[in-house]
């Protein structure tokens, strides 16, 4: 394990930290994807930046973005 990552003796504490980090990462991704789409990015651009497929990013974010009133680009 890298030296700069704190280690706890309690597995429950370590696992709770993992859950908290996953939730934070999801929130950051949601905000960044929304920002990119509002700025006119395409699904392939967002997917490339996240290192996933266009289909994966669309499946994960499209409904939420539509509900938030984001105008989504269509394939040309």
C-alpha atoms as a PDB file:
ATOM      1  CA  UNK A   1       0.000   0.000   0.000  1.00  0.00           C
ATOM      2  CA  UNK A   2       1.360   3.486  -0.802  1.00  0.00           C
ATOM      3  CA  UNK A   3       2.904   5.210   2.212  1.00  0.00           C
ATOM      4  CA  UNK A   4       0.731   8.339   1.960  1.00  0.00           C
ATOM      5  CA  UNK A   5      -2.571   6.456   2.376  1.00  0.00           C
ATOM      6  CA  UNK A   6      -3.628   6.205   6.014  1.00  0.00           C
ATOM      7  CA  UNK A   7      -4.303   2.683   7.222  1.00  0.00           C
ATOM      8  CA  UNK A   8      -6.820   1.870   9.918  1.00  0.00           C
ATOM      9  CA  UNK A   9      -6.815  -1.238  12.047  1.00  0.00           C
ATOM     10  CA  UNK A  10     -10.596  -1.506  11.775  1.00  0.00           C
ATOM     11  CA  UNK A  11     -11.887  -3.112   8.564  1.00  0.00           C
ATOM     12  CA  UNK A  12     -15.289  -1.450   9.057  1.00  0.00           C
ATOM     13  CA  UNK A  13     -13.638   1.988   9.089  1.00  0.00           C
ATOM     14  CA  UNK A  14     -11.584   1.209   6.001  1.00  0.00           C
ATOM     15  CA  UNK A  15     -14.639  -0.075   4.122  1.00  0.00           C
ATOM     16  CA  UNK A  16     -16.718   2.938   5.173  1.00  0.00           C
ATOM     17  CA  UNK A  17     -13.978   5.173   3.760  1.00  0.00           C
ATOM     18  CA  UNK A  18     -14.115   3.277   0.462  1.00  0.00           C
ATOM     19  CA  UNK A  19     -17.890   3.758   0.272  1.00  0.00           C
ATOM     20  CA  UNK A  20     -17.533   7.488   1.017  1.00  0.00           C
ATOM     21  CA  UNK A  21     -14.881   7.874  -1.685  1.00  0.00           C
ATOM     22  CA  UNK A  22     -17.016   6.028  -4.251  1.00  0.00           C
ATOM     23  CA  UNK A  23     -19.967   8.300  -3.499  1.00  0.00           C
ATOM     24  CA  UNK A  24     -17.768  11.377  -3.818  1.00  0.00           C
ATOM     25  CA  UNK A  25     -16.297  10.106  -7.091  1.00  0.00           C
ATOM     26  CA  UNK A  26     -19.812   9.510  -8.460  1.00  0.00           C
ATOM     27  CA  UNK A  27     -20.877  13.034  -7.473  1.00  0.00           C
ATOM     28  CA  UNK A  28     -17.777  14.529  -9.100  1.00  0.00           C
ATOM     29  CA  UNK A  29     -18.373  12.511 -12.276  1.00  0.00           C
ATOM     30  CA  UNK A  30     -22.028  13.560 -12.421  1.00  0.00           C
ATOM     31  CA  UNK A  31     -21.106  17.230 -12.090  1.00  0.00           C
ATOM     32  CA  UNK A  32     -18.264  17.040 -14.618  1.00  0.00           C
ATOM     33  CA  UNK A  33     -20.358  15.186 -17.199  1.00  0.00           C
ATOM     34  CA  UNK A  34     -23.181  17.696 -16.811  1.00  0.00           C
ATOM     35  CA  UNK A  35     -20.741  20.593 -17.169  1.00  0.00           C
ATOM     36  CA  UNK A  36     -19.226  19.051 -20.304  1.00  0.00           C
ATOM     37  CA  UNK A  37     -22.610  18.371 -21.898  1.00  0.00           C
ATOM     38  CA  UNK A  38     -23.830  21.908 -21.113  1.00  0.00           C
ATOM     39  CA  UNK A  39     -20.629  23.150 -22.781  1.00  0.00           C
ATOM     40  CA  UNK A  40     -21.552  21.268 -25.956  1.00  0.00           C
ATOM     41  CA  UNK A  41     -19.363  18.190 -25.656  1.00  0.00           C
ATOM     42  CA  UNK A  42     -20.443  15.068 -27.506  1.00  0.00           C
ATOM     43  CA  UNK A  43     -20.958  11.669 -25.901  1.00  0.00           C
ATOM     44  CA  UNK A  44     -17.775  10.319 -27.540  1.00  0.00           C
ATOM     45  CA  UNK A  45     -15.747  13.245 -26.153  1.00  0.00           C
ATOM     46  CA  UNK A  46     -17.048  12.678 -22.631  1.00  0.00           C
ATOM     47  CA  UNK A  47     -16.532   8.929 -22.932  1.00  0.00           C
ATOM     48  CA  UNK A  48     -12.944   9.345 -24.093  1.00  0.00           C
ATOM     49  CA  UNK A  49     -12.180  11.725 -21.225  1.00  0.00           C
ATOM     50  CA  UNK A  50     -13.581   9.189 -18.737  1.00  0.00           C
ATOM     51  CA  UNK A  51     -11.917   6.199 -20.394  1.00  0.00           C
ATOM     52  CA  UNK A  52     -15.194   4.399 -21.068  1.00  0.00           C
ATOM     53  CA  UNK A  53     -17.384   3.712 -24.088  1.00  0.00           C
ATOM     54  CA  UNK A  54     -19.921   6.173 -25.450  1.00  0.00           C
ATOM     55  CA  UNK A  55     -22.634   3.658 -24.666  1.00  0.00           C
ATOM     56  CA  UNK A  56     -21.526   3.343 -21.040  1.00  0.00           C
ATOM     57  CA  UNK A  57     -21.503   7.070 -20.384  1.00  0.00           C
ATOM     58  CA  UNK A  58     -24.832   7.544 -22.168  1.00  0.00           C
ATOM     59  CA  UNK A  59     -26.469   4.732 -20.206  1.00  0.00           C
ATOM     60  CA  UNK A  60     -25.187   6.082 -16.902  1.00  0.00           C
ATOM     61  CA  UNK A  61     -25.965   9.780 -17.408  1.00  0.00           C
ATOM     62  CA  UNK A  62     -28.555  10.420 -20.142  1.00  0.00           C
ATOM     63  CA  UNK A  63     -31.756  10.153 -18.078  1.00  0.00           C
ATOM     64  CA  UNK A  64     -30.371  12.319 -15.288  1.00  0.00           C
ATOM     65  CA  UNK A  65     -29.176  14.968 -17.736  1.00  0.00           C
ATOM     66  CA  UNK A  66     -32.511  15.061 -19.555  1.00  0.00           C
ATOM     67  CA  UNK A  67     -34.304  15.429 -16.199  1.00  0.00           C
ATOM     68  CA  UNK A  68     -31.933  18.315 -15.371  1.00  0.00           C
ATOM     69  CA  UNK A  69     -32.923  20.060 -18.593  1.00  0.00           C
ATOM     70  CA  UNK A  70     -29.607  19.601 -20.373  1.00  0.00           C
ATOM     71  CA  UNK A  71     -29.879  19.723 -24.155  1.00  0.00           C
ATOM     72  CA  UNK A  72     -28.069  16.640 -25.437  1.00  0.00           C
ATOM     73  CA  UNK A  73     -26.276  16.493 -28.762  1.00  0.00           C
ATOM     74  CA  UNK A  74     -27.516  13.953 -31.246  1.00  0.00           C
ATOM     75  CA  UNK A  75     -25.237  11.895 -33.450  1.00  0.00           C
ATOM     76  CA  UNK A  76     -24.588  13.584 -36.772  1.00  0.00           C
END
